[in-house]
C-alpha atoms as a PDB file:
ATOM      1  CA  MET A   1      12.661 -22.487  12.756  1.00  0.00           C
ATOM      2  CA  PRO A   2      12.066 -20.987  15.913  1.00  0.00           C
ATOM      3  CA  MET A   3      12.025 -17.296  16.052  1.00  0.00           C
ATOM      4  CA  TYR A   4      13.744 -15.197  19.091  1.00  0.00           C
ATOM      5  CA  ARG A   5      13.631 -11.854  20.410  1.00  0.00           C
ATOM      6  CA  GLU A   6      16.023  -9.996  22.694  1.00  0.00           C
ATOM      7  CA  ILE A   7      14.807  -8.685  26.095  1.00  0.00           C
ATOM      8  CA  VAL A   8      17.093  -5.564  27.314  1.00  0.00           C
ATOM      9  CA  THR A   9      16.844  -4.662  30.969  1.00  0.00           C
ATOM     10  CA  PRO A  10      19.341  -2.402  32.830  1.00  0.00           C
ATOM     11  CA  GLU A  11      20.695  -5.674  34.030  1.00  0.00           C
ATOM     12  CA  GLY A  12      21.547  -6.935  30.662  1.00  0.00           C
ATOM     13  CA  SER A  13      19.966  -8.806  27.460  1.00  0.00           C
ATOM     14  CA  GLN A  14      18.709 -12.035  26.870  1.00  0.00           C
ATOM     15  CA  ILE A  15      17.423 -13.745  23.978  1.00  0.00           C
ATOM     16  CA  VAL A  16      14.308 -15.680  24.450  1.00  0.00           C
ATOM     17  CA  GLN A  17      12.197 -17.855  22.120  1.00  0.00           C
ATOM     18  CA  LEU A  18       8.957 -16.403  20.686  1.00  0.00           C
ATOM     19  CA  THR A  19       5.659 -17.962  21.591  1.00  0.00           C
ATOM     20  CA  ALA A  20       3.392 -19.036  18.868  1.00  0.00           C
ATOM     21  CA  GLU A  21       1.324 -16.085  18.972  1.00  0.00           C
ATOM     22  CA  GLU A  22       4.168 -13.793  19.072  1.00  0.00           C
ATOM     23  CA  GLU A  23       5.493 -15.533  16.007  1.00  0.00           C
ATOM     24  CA  ALA A  24       2.031 -15.678  14.315  1.00  0.00           C
ATOM     25  CA  ALA A  25       1.910 -11.683  14.775  1.00  0.00           C
ATOM     26  CA  ILE A  26       4.875 -11.055  12.863  1.00  0.00           C
ATOM     27  CA  ILE A  27       4.483 -13.496  10.070  1.00  0.00           C
ATOM     28  CA  ASN A  28       0.934 -12.193   9.513  1.00  0.00           C
ATOM     29  CA  ALA A  29       1.745  -8.435  10.213  1.00  0.00           C
ATOM     30  CA  PRO A  30       0.972  -6.693   7.012  1.00  0.00           C
ATOM     31  CA  GLN A  31       3.735  -4.801   5.045  1.00  0.00           C
ATOM     32  CA  PRO A  32       4.145  -0.947   5.461  1.00  0.00           C
ATOM     33  CA  VAL A  33       2.104   0.795   3.015  1.00  0.00           C
ATOM     34  CA  PRO A  34       4.657   2.699   0.953  1.00  0.00           C
ATOM     35  CA  GLU A  35       4.339   6.332   0.400  1.00  0.00           C
ATOM     36  CA  GLU A  36       4.403   6.399  -3.149  1.00  0.00           C
ATOM     37  CA  VAL A  37       4.744   4.082  -6.242  1.00  0.00           C
ATOM     38  CA  ARG A  38       5.559   4.761  -9.774  1.00  0.00           C
ATOM     39  CA  GLN A  39       2.843   5.607 -12.258  1.00  0.00           C
ATOM     40  CA  ALA A  40       3.589   1.989 -14.208  1.00  0.00           C
ATOM     41  CA  GLN A  41       3.547   0.096 -11.061  1.00  0.00           C
ATOM     42  CA  ALA A  42      -0.044   1.821 -10.216  1.00  0.00           C
ATOM     43  CA  ARG A  43      -1.408   1.277 -13.641  1.00  0.00           C
ATOM     44  CA  ARG A  44      -0.268  -2.523 -13.265  1.00  0.00           C
ATOM     45  CA  ALA A  45      -1.807  -3.284  -9.880  1.00  0.00           C
ATOM     46  CA  LEU A  46      -4.754  -1.893 -10.895  1.00  0.00           C
ATOM     47  CA  LEU A  47      -4.767  -3.898 -13.944  1.00  0.00           C
ATOM     48  CA  ALA A  48      -4.113  -7.121 -11.987  1.00  0.00           C
ATOM     49  CA  ALA A  49      -7.080  -5.944  -9.405  1.00  0.00           C
ATOM     50  CA  GLY A  50      -9.456  -5.526 -12.496  1.00  0.00           C
ATOM     51  CA  LEU A  51      -9.574  -1.815 -11.775  1.00  0.00           C
ATOM     52  CA  LEU A  52      -7.679  -0.127 -14.566  1.00  0.00           C
ATOM     53  CA  THR A  53     -10.667   0.651 -16.712  1.00  0.00           C
ATOM     54  CA  THR A  54     -12.881   1.901 -14.081  1.00  0.00           C
ATOM     55  CA  VAL A  55     -10.287   3.837 -12.411  1.00  0.00           C
ATOM     56  CA  GLU A  56      -9.639   5.349 -15.903  1.00  0.00           C
ATOM     57  CA  ALA A  57     -13.240   6.247 -16.298  1.00  0.00           C
ATOM     58  CA  ALA A  58     -13.312   8.028 -13.212  1.00  0.00           C
ATOM     59  CA  VAL A  59     -10.416  10.126 -13.914  1.00  0.00           C
ATOM     60  CA  ALA A  60     -11.873  11.015 -17.395  1.00  0.00           C
ATOM     61  CA  ALA A  61     -15.232  12.272 -15.173  1.00  0.00           C
ATOM     62  CA  SER A  62     -13.125  14.091 -12.767  1.00  0.00           C
ATOM     63  CA  LEU A  63     -11.628  17.599 -12.719  1.00  0.00           C
ATOM     64  CA  GLN A  64      -8.992  18.683 -14.820  1.00  0.00           C
ATOM     65  CA  ASP A  65      -6.364  18.922 -12.209  1.00  0.00           C
ATOM     66  CA  ILE A  66      -6.975  14.865 -11.291  1.00  0.00           C
ATOM     67  CA  GLN A  67      -6.986  14.329 -15.204  1.00  0.00           C
ATOM     68  CA  ILE A  68      -3.021  15.807 -15.295  1.00  0.00           C
ATOM     69  CA  ALA A  69      -1.939  14.325 -12.466  1.00  0.00           C
ATOM     70  CA  TRP A  70      -3.186  10.955 -13.623  1.00  0.00           C
ATOM     71  CA  GLU A  71      -1.398  11.569 -17.109  1.00  0.00           C
ATOM     72  CA  TYR A  72       1.754  13.291 -16.409  1.00  0.00           C
ATOM     73  CA  GLU A  73       2.896  12.681 -12.617  1.00  0.00           C
ATOM     74  CA  PRO A  74       5.630   9.991 -12.664  1.00  0.00           C
ATOM     75  CA  ASN A  75       4.798   8.800  -9.002  1.00  0.00           C
ATOM     76  CA  ILE A  76       1.618   8.504  -7.141  1.00  0.00           C
ATOM     77  CA  ARG A  77       1.754   9.707  -3.527  1.00  0.00           C
ATOM     78  CA  ARG A  78      -0.499   7.751  -1.153  1.00  0.00           C
ATOM     79  CA  ASP A  79      -1.567  10.853   0.554  1.00  0.00           C
ATOM     80  CA  SER A  80      -2.198  12.893  -2.735  1.00  0.00           C
ATOM     81  CA  PRO A  81      -5.562  14.727  -3.495  1.00  0.00           C
ATOM     82  CA  MET A  82      -5.996  12.447  -6.533  1.00  0.00           C
ATOM     83  CA  ILE A  83      -6.319   9.436  -4.691  1.00  0.00           C
ATOM     84  CA  ALA A  84      -8.476  10.989  -1.954  1.00  0.00           C
ATOM     85  CA  ALA A  85     -10.618  12.420  -4.601  1.00  0.00           C
ATOM     86  CA  LEU A  86     -10.837   9.135  -6.409  1.00  0.00           C
ATOM     87  CA  ALA A  87     -11.507   6.613  -3.696  1.00  0.00           C
ATOM     88  CA  PRO A  88     -14.789   7.434  -2.664  1.00  0.00           C
ATOM     89  CA  ALA A  89     -16.239   7.739  -6.273  1.00  0.00           C
ATOM     90  CA  LEU A  90     -14.612   4.225  -6.473  1.00  0.00           C
ATOM     91  CA  GLY A  91     -15.988   2.665  -3.639  1.00  0.00           C
ATOM     92  CA  LEU A  92     -12.430   1.937  -2.378  1.00  0.00           C
ATOM     93  CA  THR A  93     -11.735   1.564   1.142  1.00  0.00           C
ATOM     94  CA  ASP A  94      -8.477   3.051   3.047  1.00  0.00           C
ATOM     95  CA  ALA A  95      -7.516  -0.698   3.368  1.00  0.00           C
ATOM     96  CA  GLN A  96      -8.102  -1.750  -0.112  1.00  0.00           C
ATOM     97  CA  ILE A  97      -6.068   1.340  -1.400  1.00  0.00           C
ATOM     98  CA  ASP A  98      -3.387   0.700   0.808  1.00  0.00           C
ATOM     99  CA  ASP A  99      -3.329  -2.893  -0.487  1.00  0.00           C
ATOM    100  CA  LEU A 100      -3.255  -1.703  -3.766  1.00  0.00           C
ATOM    101  CA  PHE A 101      -0.089   0.351  -3.080  1.00  0.00           C
ATOM    102  CA  ARG A 102       1.483  -2.640  -1.617  1.00  0.00           C
ATOM    103  CA  ALA A 103       0.863  -4.732  -4.723  1.00  0.00           C
ATOM    104  CA  ALA A 104       1.804  -1.746  -7.014  1.00  0.00           C
ATOM    105  CA  ALA A 105       5.169  -1.431  -4.918  1.00  0.00           C
ATOM    106  CA  ALA A 106       6.010  -5.161  -5.215  1.00  0.00           C
ATOM    107  CA  ILE A 107       5.880  -4.823  -9.170  1.00  0.00           C
ATOM    108  CA  THR A 108       9.353  -4.315 -10.519  1.00  0.00           C
END
């Protein structure tokens, strides 16, 4: 089914069909990265990615503040100090962390 967009000018607006390239850009655009996910969602996403045991080991080797956040925070924020501290230790890129947050958010 073709996709359309509205072009608005001072004279009015019109609906035009998107080009194949424009459609592909919309279809292939990454989902936004959620600001936070529930702790259970995060752990399930890590389990599905085969990273849960590795993350738990990294948390255990971290400062107590990180351990407390992992164990007791009900939600995990993408911009949290815990994520910033653990990502380099795990060798994860920002894009990989973003993908994990997207995967976690999709878990109900």
